[in-house]
Protein backbone atom coordinates (compact mmCIF):
# COMPACT_ATOMS: atom_id res chain seq x y z
CA MET A 1 -40.61 -54.72 78.78
CA TYR A 2 -36.95 -55.00 77.81
CA ASP A 3 -36.66 -54.20 74.03
CA ALA A 4 -34.07 -51.57 73.53
CA PRO A 5 -31.64 -50.73 72.03
CA ALA A 6 -31.61 -52.38 68.69
CA ALA A 7 -29.23 -55.23 69.55
CA VAL A 8 -31.59 -56.22 72.32
CA ALA A 9 -34.87 -56.07 70.02
CA ALA A 10 -33.13 -58.31 67.46
CA ALA A 11 -32.34 -60.77 70.44
CA ASN A 12 -35.91 -60.78 71.47
CA ASP A 13 -36.99 -61.50 67.85
CA ALA A 14 -34.63 -64.60 67.65
CA LEU A 15 -35.74 -66.00 70.99
CA TRP A 16 -39.43 -65.38 70.00
CA ALA A 17 -38.85 -67.45 66.75
CA GLY A 18 -37.55 -70.23 68.95
CA LEU A 19 -40.55 -70.00 71.18
CA ARG A 20 -43.04 -69.62 68.29
CA ASP A 21 -41.82 -72.87 66.65
CA ARG A 22 -41.96 -74.77 69.86
CA LEU A 23 -45.43 -73.55 70.77
CA ARG A 24 -46.63 -74.44 67.32
CA ALA A 25 -45.12 -77.80 67.46
CA ALA A 26 -46.82 -78.46 70.79
CA GLY A 27 -50.29 -77.75 69.17
CA LEU A 28 -51.11 -74.29 70.56
CA ASP A 29 -53.37 -72.18 68.41
CA GLY A 30 -52.94 -68.43 67.63
CA VAL A 31 -49.17 -68.26 67.81
CA PRO A 32 -48.22 -65.24 65.74
CA ASP A 33 -45.26 -65.04 63.50
CA ARG A 34 -43.67 -61.93 65.13
CA LEU A 35 -43.63 -60.07 68.43
CA THR A 36 -46.31 -57.32 68.85
CA ARG A 37 -44.64 -53.93 69.30
CA GLY A 38 -45.93 -50.33 69.44
CA GLY A 39 -48.63 -48.72 71.61
CA SER A 40 -48.67 -48.76 75.35
CA TYR A 41 -46.76 -51.67 77.09
CA ALA A 42 -49.84 -52.27 79.08
CA ASP A 43 -52.26 -52.78 76.35
CA PRO A 44 -51.86 -56.61 75.76
CA TRP A 45 -51.99 -57.55 79.52
CA LEU A 46 -55.71 -57.98 79.77
CA HIS A 47 -56.31 -58.85 76.12
CA PRO A 48 -58.56 -61.95 76.03
CA ARG A 49 -56.22 -63.53 73.38
CA LEU A 50 -53.08 -62.73 75.15
CA LEU A 51 -50.54 -65.54 74.54
CA LEU A 52 -47.47 -64.17 76.32
CA ALA A 53 -46.34 -60.77 77.57
CA GLN A 54 -44.07 -59.33 80.27
CA THR A 55 -45.47 -57.20 82.91
CA CYS A 56 -44.14 -55.13 86.02
CA GLY A 57 -44.64 -56.75 89.30
CA PHE A 58 -46.37 -53.76 90.86
CA PRO A 59 -49.09 -53.59 88.30
CA TYR A 60 -49.45 -57.32 88.71
CA VAL A 61 -49.99 -57.29 92.58
CA HIS A 62 -52.38 -54.23 92.26
CA HIS A 63 -54.69 -54.96 89.47
CA LEU A 64 -53.68 -58.02 87.35
CA ARG A 65 -53.55 -60.69 89.93
CA GLY A 66 -56.44 -62.99 89.51
CA ARG A 67 -57.12 -61.80 85.95
CA VAL A 68 -53.84 -63.13 84.27
CA ARG A 69 -52.01 -66.24 85.02
CA LEU A 70 -48.13 -66.24 85.87
CA VAL A 71 -46.08 -68.32 83.53
CA ALA A 72 -42.45 -67.69 84.52
CA THR A 73 -40.04 -65.20 85.67
CA PRO A 74 -36.84 -64.59 83.75
CA VAL A 75 -33.51 -64.80 85.45
CA TYR A 76 -30.97 -62.34 84.32
CA GLY A 77 -27.31 -62.31 84.88
CA PHE A 78 -26.68 -58.68 85.45
CA PRO A 79 -25.54 -57.06 88.74
CA GLY A 80 -28.54 -56.24 91.11
CA GLY A 81 -30.14 -59.46 91.73
CA THR A 82 -29.85 -63.10 92.59
CA GLY A 83 -32.04 -65.67 90.67
CA ALA A 84 -35.46 -64.19 89.88
CA GLU A 85 -35.07 -61.49 92.49
CA ARG A 86 -34.13 -58.01 91.21
CA ARG A 87 -33.13 -54.78 92.88
CA SER A 88 -32.98 -51.20 91.25
CA VAL A 89 -29.88 -49.22 90.98
CA VAL A 90 -30.01 -45.84 92.60
CA VAL A 91 -28.10 -43.34 90.17
CA VAL A 92 -26.88 -39.94 90.69
CA ALA A 93 -24.69 -37.65 88.52
CA ALA A 94 -21.24 -38.88 87.91
CA GLY A 95 -19.87 -35.80 89.74
CA ALA A 96 -22.38 -35.47 92.32
CA SER A 97 -21.22 -35.33 95.98
CA PHE A 98 -23.84 -37.81 97.40
CA ALA A 99 -22.30 -40.52 99.29
CA HIS A 100 -25.19 -42.06 101.31
CA VAL A 101 -28.88 -42.44 100.92
CA ALA A 102 -29.34 -40.07 103.65
CA ASP A 103 -27.66 -37.32 101.69
CA LEU A 104 -30.51 -37.52 99.09
CA ARG A 105 -32.83 -35.75 101.47
CA GLY A 106 -34.14 -32.71 99.71
CA ALA A 107 -32.69 -33.96 96.40
CA ARG A 108 -34.86 -33.96 93.15
CA ALA A 109 -35.84 -37.22 92.07
CA ALA A 110 -37.07 -38.61 88.71
CA ILE A 111 -39.31 -41.73 88.26
CA ASN A 112 -40.20 -43.49 85.04
CA ASP A 113 -43.90 -44.08 86.15
CA PRO A 114 -45.72 -43.92 89.48
CA GLY A 115 -46.93 -47.39 88.85
CA SER A 116 -43.43 -48.88 88.29
CA ASN A 117 -42.00 -51.22 90.90
CA SER A 118 -38.33 -50.56 89.89
CA GLY A 119 -38.56 -47.13 89.33
CA ALA A 120 -41.02 -45.82 92.18
CA ASN A 121 -42.12 -48.59 94.63
CA LEU A 122 -38.59 -49.92 95.41
CA LEU A 123 -37.12 -46.37 95.71
CA ALA A 124 -40.02 -45.33 98.23
CA ALA A 125 -39.22 -48.58 100.02
CA LEU A 126 -35.64 -47.38 100.38
CA VAL A 127 -36.20 -43.89 101.67
CA ALA A 128 -39.48 -44.20 103.52
CA PRO A 129 -37.63 -44.98 106.88
CA LEU A 130 -35.90 -41.61 106.34
CA ALA A 131 -38.97 -39.55 105.56
CA VAL A 132 -40.00 -36.67 107.85
CA ASP A 133 -43.69 -35.96 107.77
CA GLY A 134 -44.32 -38.05 104.82
CA ARG A 135 -41.55 -36.31 102.66
CA PHE A 136 -37.91 -37.00 101.63
CA PHE A 137 -37.28 -35.49 98.17
CA SER A 138 -37.92 -31.85 97.54
CA SER A 139 -39.57 -32.67 94.11
CA VAL A 140 -40.47 -35.79 92.16
CA THR A 141 -40.63 -35.47 88.28
CA LEU A 142 -42.25 -37.92 85.89
CA ALA A 143 -39.64 -38.71 83.23
CA GLY A 144 -41.75 -41.31 81.33
CA GLY A 145 -39.16 -44.07 81.01
CA HIS A 146 -35.74 -45.37 82.67
CA ARG A 147 -33.74 -44.04 79.82
CA GLU A 148 -35.38 -40.61 80.13
CA SER A 149 -34.77 -40.73 83.99
CA LEU A 150 -30.99 -41.43 83.36
CA GLY A 151 -30.87 -38.49 80.89
CA ALA A 152 -32.45 -36.19 83.60
CA VAL A 153 -29.95 -37.27 85.95
CA ALA A 154 -26.84 -37.24 83.74
CA THR A 155 -27.85 -33.58 82.40
CA GLY A 156 -28.64 -32.11 86.03
CA ARG A 157 -32.29 -31.77 85.49
CA THR A 158 -32.81 -34.02 88.48
CA ASP A 159 -30.50 -35.46 91.13
CA VAL A 160 -31.41 -39.13 91.52
CA ALA A 161 -33.49 -41.87 90.00
CA ALA A 162 -33.95 -45.54 90.61
CA ILE A 163 -33.37 -47.59 87.44
CA ASP A 164 -34.31 -51.21 86.74
CA SER A 165 -31.06 -53.22 87.07
CA VAL A 166 -31.75 -55.14 83.96
CA THR A 167 -32.24 -52.08 81.96
CA PHE A 168 -29.12 -50.55 83.40
CA GLY A 169 -27.23 -53.78 82.50
CA LEU A 170 -28.50 -53.72 78.99
CA LEU A 171 -27.75 -50.39 78.48
CA SER A 172 -24.22 -50.54 80.03
CA ALA A 173 -23.60 -53.53 77.58
CA HIS A 174 -25.19 -52.11 74.43
CA ALA A 175 -25.58 -48.29 74.81
CA PRO A 176 -22.76 -47.39 77.37
CA GLU A 177 -23.20 -43.58 76.46
CA GLU A 178 -26.51 -43.66 77.97
CA VAL A 179 -25.08 -44.45 81.46
CA ALA A 180 -21.85 -42.64 81.03
CA GLY A 181 -23.01 -39.55 82.91
CA VAL A 182 -24.22 -41.26 86.13
CA ARG A 183 -22.80 -43.60 88.84
CA VAL A 184 -24.51 -46.00 90.99
CA LEU A 185 -24.89 -44.80 94.50
CA CYS A 186 -26.61 -47.87 96.10
CA GLU A 187 -29.31 -50.39 95.50
CA THR A 188 -32.89 -50.54 96.62
CA PRO A 189 -34.52 -53.53 98.44
CA GLY A 190 -35.28 -56.43 96.20
CA GLY A 191 -38.09 -58.43 94.99
CA PRO A 192 -39.13 -60.64 92.12
CA GLY A 193 -38.61 -59.55 88.74
CA LEU A 194 -40.86 -58.77 85.90
CA PRO A 195 -43.04 -61.90 85.22
CA LEU A 196 -44.22 -63.41 81.86
CA ILE A 197 -48.05 -63.64 81.92
CA THR A 198 -50.66 -65.11 79.73
CA ARG A 199 -54.56 -64.52 79.72
CA GLY A 200 -56.50 -65.47 82.74
CA ALA A 201 -58.57 -68.07 80.85
CA ALA A 202 -55.57 -70.18 79.72
CA THR A 203 -55.73 -73.73 80.82
CA ASP A 204 -53.14 -75.52 83.00
CA GLY A 205 -52.13 -77.47 79.76
CA GLU A 206 -51.39 -74.13 77.88
CA VAL A 207 -49.51 -72.79 80.69
CA ALA A 208 -47.41 -75.96 80.99
CA VAL A 209 -46.70 -75.74 77.34
CA LEU A 210 -45.53 -72.16 77.64
CA ARG A 211 -43.20 -73.05 80.44
CA GLN A 212 -41.77 -76.02 78.68
CA ALA A 213 -41.15 -73.95 75.52
CA LEU A 214 -39.43 -71.36 77.65
CA ALA A 215 -37.21 -73.76 79.43
CA ASP A 216 -36.35 -75.30 76.05
CA VAL A 217 -35.46 -71.86 74.65
CA VAL A 218 -33.09 -70.88 77.61
CA ALA A 219 -31.17 -74.16 77.06
CA ASP A 220 -31.03 -74.10 73.34
CA PRO A 221 -27.26 -73.79 72.31
CA ALA A 222 -28.44 -72.28 69.03
CA LEU A 223 -29.80 -69.22 70.96
CA ALA A 224 -26.78 -68.73 73.21
CA GLU A 225 -25.74 -65.66 71.56
CA SER A 226 -29.21 -64.07 71.77
CA ARG A 227 -29.55 -65.06 75.53
CA GLU A 228 -26.23 -63.38 76.24
CA THR A 229 -27.32 -60.27 74.64
CA LEU A 230 -30.37 -60.19 76.82
CA GLY A 231 -28.30 -61.32 79.94
CA LEU A 232 -30.95 -64.07 80.15
CA VAL A 233 -29.65 -67.07 82.16
CA GLY A 234 -32.78 -69.02 83.10
CA ILE A 235 -36.43 -68.89 84.15
CA GLU A 236 -37.95 -69.42 87.60
CA VAL A 237 -41.82 -70.34 88.30
CA LEU A 238 -43.16 -68.10 91.17
CA GLY A 239 -46.44 -67.64 92.74
CA ASP A 240 -48.63 -64.85 93.92
CA GLU A 241 -46.99 -65.29 97.49
CA ASP A 242 -43.59 -64.33 95.99
CA TYR A 243 -44.86 -61.14 94.53
CA GLY A 244 -46.68 -60.29 97.68
CA VAL A 245 -43.43 -58.70 98.87
CA LEU A 246 -43.98 -55.71 96.58
CA ALA A 247 -47.46 -54.89 97.95
CA ARG A 248 -45.87 -55.09 101.40
CA TYR A 249 -43.33 -52.56 100.74
CA ALA A 250 -46.04 -50.04 99.60
CA ALA A 251 -48.05 -50.81 102.67
CA GLU A 252 -45.03 -50.41 105.00
CA ALA A 253 -44.11 -47.13 103.41
CA ALA A 254 -47.71 -45.84 103.75
CA ALA A 255 -47.64 -47.07 107.41
CA ARG A 256 -44.81 -44.64 108.03
CA GLY A 257 -46.87 -41.86 106.47
CA TYR A 258 -45.10 -42.11 103.04
CA ARG A 259 -48.06 -42.88 100.97
CA GLU A 260 -46.65 -41.84 97.70
CA LEU A 261 -42.99 -41.02 96.49
CA SER A 262 -42.47 -37.40 97.39
């Protein structure tokens, strides 16, 4: 889920090599040489041979829970979260006059995907208490990705977007030109970050091997540079009850009459 720009992809490759070797040494079968890239990021989630993937928390609580197994949740050191909890940053154009969330009433919003927790669900949780007759923004545009949302705000095509704080941190560190035209207005409510998952048929033993290999990788001094590039500082093992807050945000917004981001 976090694989850009190029420096980040290279760091992911280095971490995967460390994981791959540990998983093979532990006796797991079907461990690939390289990470799978290309196609929809959602394609692997329900694949019967899935070994390890990262998903968004909102799809997890809505249609993956009970069909895949939670392995661990990465902990990132970027602003916008504590431990495995992450918040999104609400960005506006650098020169925009918005000072408070309430000032965004009637503004044009961009979202990366309507099923995104960071780009849509947490933004809805932020503005739902301020909605009137189920509306807050004048329009909502589907940008297709967080980087595209940033570009839409920076160039004035839209006024506001919620950006995953890990994405924002990675771009700030490795592609600062992509965030130069925006400023952070505030942060959304928080929730558990993007979990690593494996196939639903994985055994307890396989899940334990995956967790141990991840713990070893985040502690390996030889991989410190790659972890620093990714902002990765640890992992936490969370359960369904931890991710339930994301569904509650959507339910609370709907109870206020704010059933979809609008």
